[in-house]
Amino acid sequence: MRQLIALFVLAVLLALAGCGSMNPYPEHVYSTPPSKDRTGGLDPKTKPYTVLGKTYYPLKSASGYDEIGLASWYGSDFHGKKTANGQTYNMYGVSAAHKTLPLGSRVRVTNLENNRSVILTINDRGPFVNERILDLSYGAARKLGTVDSGVVKVRVTSLTAEVVPTRLAEPRDKLYHVRVGAFAVRENALHVHRQLLSAGYRGANITVVDRDGQILHIVQAGSFQSRGQAERVMEALKGDFPTCYIIS
C-alpha cells in the first residue's frame, strides 16, 4: 500500500513539473514570434498589444515601409499624457502615432493634397478609427496644412536605410521600375492600376508583398531597360502622382 501511495505522489510531482515548463506564449496568442531585446524580454518598440479586442503585431523593422492612406490628428485631449514609448505627449511637437511601425521609427509624411512634407518620429500607437493609418500631432498637422481638413490622404515613407550588399557588377538584365505607390487597401491599388491602364501604361502591374506581416499592394507603371526610359515615364506621371519614383 505504501508503495502505491509513493508512486501516486511521484506521478503528481512529475505532472506539476511539466506544467511549469510550458511555453508562456502559445501559438494562439502570437501569430508571429515576438521580438526579443538583449535581456531576452519583449522589445517594447515592437511588443504586440491589444486594443478594443484586437491584437496588433508591430513590424520588426521599418525598413522599406512605404504606404498611402488617411491621416488624422490628435491634440488637447491627450496633451501631457504618456505616449506608448513612455514620453509625454506634446501636441505642439512634431510626432505621430501608428499601429504597427516600431516605436522610434523616423518617417517622412507627405500631404498628397498640397505636396507639403514633414519628417517625424513615431512615438505612439493608433489611430484605431476606420481605415486611417496615421495620427499626427497637432504640430505636425499644422506643418502639413491638415488642421482644418482633419483627415487627408498622405504618404508615409520610412527613412530607415536597408543595408544592401555591394555588387561588383550589375546584371545585364537589370530593369528600372517606376513605382507609383504601396497600398494596404487593395481597392486603392486597383483604382490606381486602372488609372494607369486608361492612360496607356499597358505594363502597369500590381505586386503583393508581405513585409513582416504587413500586406502591401505595390503598384508600378511599368519596367524599363534603361533609366532614361524610366525617368521619362516618371516625369510624365508627376502631375497625377507627384510622389512616384524609380527603383531598380
C-alpha atoms as a PDB file:
ATOM      1  CA  MET A   1       0.000   0.000   0.000  1.00  0.00           C
ATOM      2  CA  ARG A   2       2.822   2.423   0.914  1.00  0.00           C
ATOM      3  CA  GLN A   3       4.473   1.712  -2.435  1.00  0.00           C
ATOM      4  CA  LEU A   4       1.258   2.630  -4.291  1.00  0.00           C
ATOM      5  CA  ILE A   5       0.960   5.921  -2.372  1.00  0.00           C
ATOM      6  CA  ALA A   6       4.610   6.753  -3.091  1.00  0.00           C
ATOM      7  CA  LEU A   7       4.121   6.095  -6.804  1.00  0.00           C
ATOM      8  CA  PHE A   8       0.989   8.300  -6.829  1.00  0.00           C
ATOM      9  CA  VAL A   9       2.823  11.216  -5.159  1.00  0.00           C
ATOM     10  CA  LEU A  10       5.727  10.879  -7.609  1.00  0.00           C
ATOM     11  CA  ALA A  11       3.348  10.990 -10.577  1.00  0.00           C
ATOM     12  CA  VAL A  12       1.687  14.170  -9.263  1.00  0.00           C
ATOM     13  CA  LEU A  13       5.077  15.879  -8.760  1.00  0.00           C
ATOM     14  CA  LEU A  14       6.163  15.000 -12.310  1.00  0.00           C
ATOM     15  CA  ALA A  15       2.928  16.403 -13.729  1.00  0.00           C
ATOM     16  CA  LEU A  16       3.389  19.685 -11.861  1.00  0.00           C
ATOM     17  CA  ALA A  17       6.967  19.972 -13.073  1.00  0.00           C
ATOM     18  CA  GLY A  18       5.788  19.522 -16.678  1.00  0.00           C
ATOM     19  CA  CYS A  19       3.234  22.352 -16.309  1.00  0.00           C
ATOM     20  CA  GLY A  20       5.920  24.720 -15.098  1.00  0.00           C
ATOM     21  CA  SER A  21       7.909  24.279 -18.319  1.00  0.00           C
ATOM     22  CA  MET A  22       5.052  25.160 -20.690  1.00  0.00           C
ATOM     23  CA  ASN A  23       5.646  27.937 -23.329  1.00  0.00           C
ATOM     24  CA  PRO A  24       4.152  31.170 -21.849  1.00  0.00           C
ATOM     25  CA  TYR A  25       3.418  32.416 -25.391  1.00  0.00           C
ATOM     26  CA  PRO A  26       1.260  29.708 -27.050  1.00  0.00           C
ATOM     27  CA  GLU A  27       0.683  29.876 -30.806  1.00  0.00           C
ATOM     28  CA  HIS A  28      -2.876  31.192 -30.480  1.00  0.00           C
ATOM     29  CA  VAL A  29      -1.547  34.289 -28.709  1.00  0.00           C
ATOM     30  CA  TYR A  30       1.194  35.275 -31.176  1.00  0.00           C
ATOM     31  CA  SER A  31       0.737  34.613 -34.876  1.00  0.00           C
ATOM     32  CA  THR A  32       4.379  35.693 -35.392  1.00  0.00           C
ATOM     33  CA  PRO A  33       7.260  35.202 -32.937  1.00  0.00           C
ATOM     34  CA  PRO A  34       7.602  38.259 -30.670  1.00  0.00           C
ATOM     35  CA  SER A  35      10.770  40.368 -30.990  1.00  0.00           C
ATOM     36  CA  LYS A  36      13.379  39.975 -28.264  1.00  0.00           C
ATOM     37  CA  ASP A  37      15.682  42.556 -26.761  1.00  0.00           C
ATOM     38  CA  ARG A  38      19.147  41.779 -25.365  1.00  0.00           C
ATOM     39  CA  THR A  39      17.732  40.861 -21.974  1.00  0.00           C
ATOM     40  CA  GLY A  40      15.538  38.159 -23.514  1.00  0.00           C
ATOM     41  CA  GLY A  41      12.293  40.044 -22.818  1.00  0.00           C
ATOM     42  CA  LEU A  42       9.821  41.526 -25.273  1.00  0.00           C
ATOM     43  CA  ASP A  43      11.212  44.532 -27.144  1.00  0.00           C
ATOM     44  CA  PRO A  44       8.949  47.468 -26.140  1.00  0.00           C
ATOM     45  CA  LYS A  45       9.364  49.016 -29.599  1.00  0.00           C
ATOM     46  CA  THR A  46       7.727  46.035 -31.314  1.00  0.00           C
ATOM     47  CA  LYS A  47       5.756  44.441 -28.485  1.00  0.00           C
ATOM     48  CA  PRO A  48       2.326  43.075 -29.521  1.00  0.00           C
ATOM     49  CA  TYR A  49      -0.603  44.860 -27.888  1.00  0.00           C
ATOM     50  CA  THR A  50      -4.403  44.629 -27.808  1.00  0.00           C
ATOM     51  CA  VAL A  51      -6.921  47.455 -28.310  1.00  0.00           C
ATOM     52  CA  LEU A  52     -10.701  47.030 -28.434  1.00  0.00           C
ATOM     53  CA  GLY A  53     -10.342  43.253 -28.534  1.00  0.00           C
ATOM     54  CA  LYS A  54      -7.910  43.232 -31.494  1.00  0.00           C
ATOM     55  CA  THR A  55      -4.244  42.298 -31.142  1.00  0.00           C
ATOM     56  CA  TYR A  56      -1.669  44.168 -33.222  1.00  0.00           C
ATOM     57  CA  TYR A  57       1.764  42.782 -34.120  1.00  0.00           C
ATOM     58  CA  PRO A  58       4.195  45.636 -34.890  1.00  0.00           C
ATOM     59  CA  LEU A  59       6.762  45.256 -37.656  1.00  0.00           C
ATOM     60  CA  LYS A  60      10.228  44.141 -36.573  1.00  0.00           C
ATOM     61  CA  SER A  61      11.770  46.819 -38.799  1.00  0.00           C
ATOM     62  CA  ALA A  62      10.542  49.951 -40.588  1.00  0.00           C
ATOM     63  CA  SER A  63      12.978  49.340 -43.453  1.00  0.00           C
ATOM     64  CA  GLY A  64      11.249  49.616 -46.837  1.00  0.00           C
ATOM     65  CA  TYR A  65       7.917  50.771 -45.401  1.00  0.00           C
ATOM     66  CA  ASP A  66       6.002  52.944 -47.901  1.00  0.00           C
ATOM     67  CA  GLU A  67       2.227  53.360 -47.676  1.00  0.00           C
ATOM     68  CA  ILE A  68      -0.527  55.703 -48.807  1.00  0.00           C
ATOM     69  CA  GLY A  69      -3.622  56.170 -46.657  1.00  0.00           C
ATOM     70  CA  LEU A  70      -5.638  58.544 -44.490  1.00  0.00           C
ATOM     71  CA  ALA A  71      -4.158  60.552 -41.634  1.00  0.00           C
ATOM     72  CA  SER A  72      -5.931  62.388 -38.819  1.00  0.00           C
ATOM     73  CA  TRP A  73      -4.518  64.431 -35.895  1.00  0.00           C
ATOM     74  CA  TYR A  74      -4.962  64.498 -32.113  1.00  0.00           C
ATOM     75  CA  GLY A  75      -4.482  67.341 -29.692  1.00  0.00           C
ATOM     76  CA  SER A  76      -5.575  68.714 -26.312  1.00  0.00           C
ATOM     77  CA  ASP A  77      -7.385  65.587 -25.079  1.00  0.00           C
ATOM     78  CA  PHE A  78      -4.032  63.769 -24.933  1.00  0.00           C
ATOM     79  CA  HIS A  79      -1.684  66.711 -24.285  1.00  0.00           C
ATOM     80  CA  GLY A  80       0.588  65.960 -21.310  1.00  0.00           C
ATOM     81  CA  LYS A  81      -0.296  62.272 -21.173  1.00  0.00           C
ATOM     82  CA  LYS A  82       2.089  59.367 -21.715  1.00  0.00           C
ATOM     83  CA  THR A  83       2.649  58.038 -25.217  1.00  0.00           C
ATOM     84  CA  ALA A  84       3.212  54.362 -25.991  1.00  0.00           C
ATOM     85  CA  ASN A  85       7.007  54.760 -25.746  1.00  0.00           C
ATOM     86  CA  GLY A  86       6.756  56.418 -22.332  1.00  0.00           C
ATOM     87  CA  GLN A  87       7.294  60.016 -23.453  1.00  0.00           C
ATOM     88  CA  THR A  88       4.959  62.860 -22.528  1.00  0.00           C
ATOM     89  CA  TYR A  89       2.778  63.806 -25.471  1.00  0.00           C
ATOM     90  CA  ASN A  90       3.323  67.390 -26.628  1.00  0.00           C
ATOM     91  CA  MET A  91       0.578  68.344 -29.058  1.00  0.00           C
ATOM     92  CA  TYR A  92       2.693  71.258 -30.326  1.00  0.00           C
ATOM     93  CA  GLY A  93       5.630  68.998 -31.145  1.00  0.00           C
ATOM     94  CA  VAL A  94       6.153  67.006 -34.341  1.00  0.00           C
ATOM     95  CA  SER A  95       5.351  63.317 -33.888  1.00  0.00           C
ATOM     96  CA  ALA A  96       2.749  60.724 -34.846  1.00  0.00           C
ATOM     97  CA  ALA A  97       1.005  57.513 -33.826  1.00  0.00           C
ATOM     98  CA  HIS A  98       0.991  54.370 -35.996  1.00  0.00           C
ATOM     99  CA  LYS A  99      -0.447  50.929 -35.320  1.00  0.00           C
ATOM    100  CA  THR A 100       2.428  48.727 -36.494  1.00  0.00           C
ATOM    101  CA  LEU A 101       5.608  50.710 -37.198  1.00  0.00           C
ATOM    102  CA  PRO A 102       8.272  50.182 -34.495  1.00  0.00           C
ATOM    103  CA  LEU A 103       8.226  52.935 -31.892  1.00  0.00           C
ATOM    104  CA  GLY A 104      11.035  55.374 -32.585  1.00  0.00           C
ATOM    105  CA  SER A 105      10.817  54.945 -36.382  1.00  0.00           C
ATOM    106  CA  ARG A 106      11.706  58.032 -38.422  1.00  0.00           C
ATOM    107  CA  VAL A 107       9.389  58.617 -41.381  1.00  0.00           C
ATOM    108  CA  ARG A 108       8.622  61.248 -43.997  1.00  0.00           C
ATOM    109  CA  VAL A 109       4.918  62.140 -44.166  1.00  0.00           C
ATOM    110  CA  THR A 110       3.717  63.849 -47.355  1.00  0.00           C
ATOM    111  CA  ASN A 111       0.323  65.529 -47.683  1.00  0.00           C
ATOM    112  CA  LEU A 112      -0.753  64.363 -51.154  1.00  0.00           C
ATOM    113  CA  GLU A 113      -3.238  67.239 -51.457  1.00  0.00           C
ATOM    114  CA  ASN A 114      -0.661  70.049 -51.246  1.00  0.00           C
ATOM    115  CA  ASN A 115       2.648  68.112 -51.524  1.00  0.00           C
ATOM    116  CA  ARG A 116       3.940  69.501 -48.201  1.00  0.00           C
ATOM    117  CA  SER A 117       6.006  67.046 -46.157  1.00  0.00           C
ATOM    118  CA  VAL A 118       7.488  66.695 -42.695  1.00  0.00           C
ATOM    119  CA  ILE A 119       9.964  64.295 -41.081  1.00  0.00           C
ATOM    120  CA  LEU A 120       8.858  62.965 -37.699  1.00  0.00           C
ATOM    121  CA  THR A 121       9.185  60.141 -35.172  1.00  0.00           C
ATOM    122  CA  ILE A 122       6.559  57.502 -34.389  1.00  0.00           C
ATOM    123  CA  ASN A 123       6.139  57.596 -30.596  1.00  0.00           C
ATOM    124  CA  ASP A 124       2.578  56.383 -30.040  1.00  0.00           C
ATOM    125  CA  ARG A 125       0.009  53.793 -31.105  1.00  0.00           C
ATOM    126  CA  GLY A 126      -3.102  54.500 -33.148  1.00  0.00           C
ATOM    127  CA  PRO A 127      -5.320  55.583 -34.783  1.00  0.00           C
ATOM    128  CA  PHE A 128      -7.945  52.911 -34.175  1.00  0.00           C
ATOM    129  CA  VAL A 129     -10.663  54.526 -36.294  1.00  0.00           C
ATOM    130  CA  ASN A 130     -11.878  53.202 -39.662  1.00  0.00           C
ATOM    131  CA  GLU A 131      -9.033  52.799 -42.183  1.00  0.00           C
ATOM    132  CA  ARG A 132      -6.770  55.626 -41.010  1.00  0.00           C
ATOM    133  CA  ILE A 133      -3.096  54.714 -40.986  1.00  0.00           C
ATOM    134  CA  LEU A 134      -1.609  57.666 -39.070  1.00  0.00           C
ATOM    135  CA  ASP A 135      -2.493  60.044 -36.218  1.00  0.00           C
ATOM    136  CA  LEU A 136      -0.458  63.244 -36.388  1.00  0.00           C
ATOM    137  CA  SER A 137       0.366  65.531 -33.500  1.00  0.00           C
ATOM    138  CA  TYR A 138      -1.238  68.960 -33.780  1.00  0.00           C
ATOM    139  CA  GLY A 139       2.197  70.462 -34.529  1.00  0.00           C
ATOM    140  CA  ALA A 140       2.796  68.009 -37.391  1.00  0.00           C
ATOM    141  CA  ALA A 141      -0.709  68.635 -38.761  1.00  0.00           C
ATOM    142  CA  ARG A 142       0.000  72.384 -38.831  1.00  0.00           C
ATOM    143  CA  LYS A 143       3.187  71.872 -40.830  1.00  0.00           C
ATOM    144  CA  LEU A 144       1.321  69.685 -43.307  1.00  0.00           C
ATOM    145  CA  GLY A 145      -1.671  72.038 -43.514  1.00  0.00           C
ATOM    146  CA  THR A 146      -4.175  69.410 -42.356  1.00  0.00           C
ATOM    147  CA  VAL A 147      -5.594  71.029 -39.201  1.00  0.00           C
ATOM    148  CA  ASP A 148      -8.724  72.440 -40.841  1.00  0.00           C
ATOM    149  CA  SER A 149      -9.487  69.459 -43.067  1.00  0.00           C
ATOM    150  CA  GLY A 150      -8.935  66.998 -40.210  1.00  0.00           C
ATOM    151  CA  VAL A 151      -8.428  63.886 -42.352  1.00  0.00           C
ATOM    152  CA  VAL A 152      -6.294  63.855 -45.513  1.00  0.00           C
ATOM    153  CA  LYS A 153      -4.540  61.393 -47.777  1.00  0.00           C
ATOM    154  CA  VAL A 154      -0.830  61.096 -47.022  1.00  0.00           C
ATOM    155  CA  ARG A 155       2.157  59.023 -47.959  1.00  0.00           C
ATOM    156  CA  VAL A 156       4.241  57.570 -45.136  1.00  0.00           C
ATOM    157  CA  THR A 157       7.784  56.594 -46.131  1.00  0.00           C
ATOM    158  CA  SER A 158      10.323  55.078 -43.768  1.00  0.00           C
ATOM    159  CA  LEU A 159      13.722  56.753 -43.554  1.00  0.00           C
ATOM    160  CA  THR A 160      15.336  53.612 -42.156  1.00  0.00           C
ATOM    161  CA  ALA A 161      18.091  52.579 -44.550  1.00  0.00           C
ATOM    162  CA  GLU A 162      18.225  48.945 -45.576  1.00  0.00           C
ATOM    163  CA  VAL A 163      21.738  47.514 -45.861  1.00  0.00           C
ATOM    164  CA  VAL A 164      22.242  46.068 -49.352  1.00  0.00           C
ATOM    165  CA  PRO A 165      25.353  44.018 -50.183  1.00  0.00           C
ATOM    166  CA  THR A 166      27.664  45.754 -52.681  1.00  0.00           C
ATOM    167  CA  ARG A 167      27.871  44.055 -56.062  1.00  0.00           C
ATOM    168  CA  LEU A 168      30.939  44.158 -58.289  1.00  0.00           C
ATOM    169  CA  ALA A 169      28.872  44.228 -61.454  1.00  0.00           C
ATOM    170  CA  GLU A 170      25.225  44.821 -62.304  1.00  0.00           C
ATOM    171  CA  PRO A 171      23.336  42.049 -64.097  1.00  0.00           C
ATOM    172  CA  ARG A 172      22.768  42.658 -67.803  1.00  0.00           C
ATOM    173  CA  ASP A 173      19.017  42.164 -67.470  1.00  0.00           C
ATOM    174  CA  LYS A 174      18.664  44.907 -64.842  1.00  0.00           C
ATOM    175  CA  LEU A 175      15.344  46.756 -65.094  1.00  0.00           C
ATOM    176  CA  TYR A 176      14.165  50.130 -63.827  1.00  0.00           C
ATOM    177  CA  HIS A 177      10.677  50.165 -62.333  1.00  0.00           C
ATOM    178  CA  VAL A 178       8.502  53.261 -61.948  1.00  0.00           C
ATOM    179  CA  ARG A 179       6.710  52.769 -58.632  1.00  0.00           C
ATOM    180  CA  VAL A 180       3.538  54.769 -58.118  1.00  0.00           C
ATOM    181  CA  GLY A 181       2.701  53.668 -54.586  1.00  0.00           C
ATOM    182  CA  ALA A 182       2.208  50.958 -51.978  1.00  0.00           C
ATOM    183  CA  PHE A 183      -1.270  50.421 -50.552  1.00  0.00           C
ATOM    184  CA  ALA A 184      -2.525  48.430 -47.603  1.00  0.00           C
ATOM    185  CA  VAL A 185      -6.067  48.535 -49.050  1.00  0.00           C
ATOM    186  CA  ARG A 186      -6.301  46.509 -52.262  1.00  0.00           C
ATOM    187  CA  GLU A 187      -9.165  48.599 -53.698  1.00  0.00           C
ATOM    188  CA  ASN A 188      -6.943  51.687 -53.599  1.00  0.00           C
ATOM    189  CA  ALA A 189      -4.255  49.840 -55.539  1.00  0.00           C
ATOM    190  CA  LEU A 190      -6.780  48.592 -58.125  1.00  0.00           C
ATOM    191  CA  HIS A 191      -8.094  52.138 -58.605  1.00  0.00           C
ATOM    192  CA  VAL A 192      -4.607  53.483 -59.363  1.00  0.00           C
ATOM    193  CA  HIS A 193      -3.863  50.497 -61.624  1.00  0.00           C
ATOM    194  CA  ARG A 194      -6.990  51.232 -63.674  1.00  0.00           C
ATOM    195  CA  GLN A 195      -5.918  54.875 -63.983  1.00  0.00           C
ATOM    196  CA  LEU A 196      -2.550  53.827 -65.366  1.00  0.00           C
ATOM    197  CA  LEU A 197      -4.067  51.415 -67.874  1.00  0.00           C
ATOM    198  CA  SER A 198      -6.511  54.086 -69.064  1.00  0.00           C
ATOM    199  CA  ALA A 199      -3.584  56.487 -69.542  1.00  0.00           C
ATOM    200  CA  GLY A 200      -1.883  53.975 -71.853  1.00  0.00           C
ATOM    201  CA  TYR A 201       0.604  52.348 -69.484  1.00  0.00           C
ATOM    202  CA  ARG A 202      -0.006  48.770 -70.589  1.00  0.00           C
ATOM    203  CA  GLY A 203       2.880  47.485 -68.490  1.00  0.00           C
ATOM    204  CA  ALA A 204       1.270  48.674 -65.259  1.00  0.00           C
ATOM    205  CA  ASN A 205       1.104  45.933 -62.638  1.00  0.00           C
ATOM    206  CA  ILE A 206       0.344  45.166 -59.006  1.00  0.00           C
ATOM    207  CA  THR A 207       2.626  43.071 -56.820  1.00  0.00           C
ATOM    208  CA  VAL A 208       1.544  41.824 -53.394  1.00  0.00           C
ATOM    209  CA  VAL A 209       4.290  41.628 -50.768  1.00  0.00           C
ATOM    210  CA  ASP A 210       4.339  40.591 -47.121  1.00  0.00           C
ATOM    211  CA  ARG A 211       6.615  42.824 -45.050  1.00  0.00           C
ATOM    212  CA  ASP A 212       6.817  41.160 -41.648  1.00  0.00           C
ATOM    213  CA  GLY A 213       3.076  40.508 -41.549  1.00  0.00           C
ATOM    214  CA  GLN A 214       2.041  43.783 -43.245  1.00  0.00           C
ATOM    215  CA  ILE A 215       0.385  43.036 -46.619  1.00  0.00           C
ATOM    216  CA  LEU A 216       1.096  45.757 -49.190  1.00  0.00           C
ATOM    217  CA  HIS A 217      -0.065  46.095 -52.803  1.00  0.00           C
ATOM    218  CA  ILE A 218       2.757  47.649 -54.857  1.00  0.00           C
ATOM    219  CA  VAL A 219       1.592  49.500 -57.994  1.00  0.00           C
ATOM    220  CA  GLN A 220       4.103  50.115 -60.787  1.00  0.00           C
ATOM    221  CA  ALA A 221       3.582  51.939 -64.093  1.00  0.00           C
ATOM    222  CA  GLY A 222       5.972  49.562 -65.825  1.00  0.00           C
ATOM    223  CA  SER A 223       9.523  48.219 -66.083  1.00  0.00           C
ATOM    224  CA  PHE A 224      12.165  49.586 -68.471  1.00  0.00           C
ATOM    225  CA  GLN A 225      15.612  48.501 -69.677  1.00  0.00           C
ATOM    226  CA  SER A 226      17.160  51.970 -69.373  1.00  0.00           C
ATOM    227  CA  ARG A 227      16.968  54.558 -66.638  1.00  0.00           C
ATOM    228  CA  GLY A 228      16.309  57.223 -69.263  1.00  0.00           C
ATOM    229  CA  GLN A 229      13.070  55.500 -70.284  1.00  0.00           C
ATOM    230  CA  ALA A 230      12.007  55.187 -66.652  1.00  0.00           C
ATOM    231  CA  GLU A 231      12.762  58.857 -65.961  1.00  0.00           C
ATOM    232  CA  ARG A 232      10.657  59.997 -68.928  1.00  0.00           C
ATOM    233  CA  VAL A 233       7.721  57.941 -67.676  1.00  0.00           C
ATOM    234  CA  MET A 234       8.183  59.221 -64.121  1.00  0.00           C
ATOM    235  CA  GLU A 235       8.182  62.849 -65.307  1.00  0.00           C
ATOM    236  CA  ALA A 236       5.023  62.242 -67.323  1.00  0.00           C
ATOM    237  CA  LEU A 237       3.298  60.821 -64.248  1.00  0.00           C
ATOM    238  CA  LYS A 238       4.382  63.548 -61.822  1.00  0.00           C
ATOM    239  CA  GLY A 239       1.250  65.619 -62.461  1.00  0.00           C
ATOM    240  CA  ASP A 240      -1.133  62.898 -61.259  1.00  0.00           C
ATOM    241  CA  PHE A 241       1.254  61.012 -58.985  1.00  0.00           C
ATOM    242  CA  PRO A 242       3.728  63.553 -57.527  1.00  0.00           C
ATOM    243  CA  THR A 243       5.410  61.026 -55.236  1.00  0.00           C
ATOM    244  CA  CYS A 244       6.192  58.357 -57.871  1.00  0.00           C
ATOM    245  CA  TYR A 245       9.822  57.254 -58.031  1.00  0.00           C
ATOM    246  CA  ILE A 246      12.225  54.823 -59.693  1.00  0.00           C
ATOM    247  CA  ILE A 247      13.636  51.629 -58.216  1.00  0.00           C
ATOM    248  CA  SER A 248      15.926  49.094 -59.823  1.00  0.00           C
END
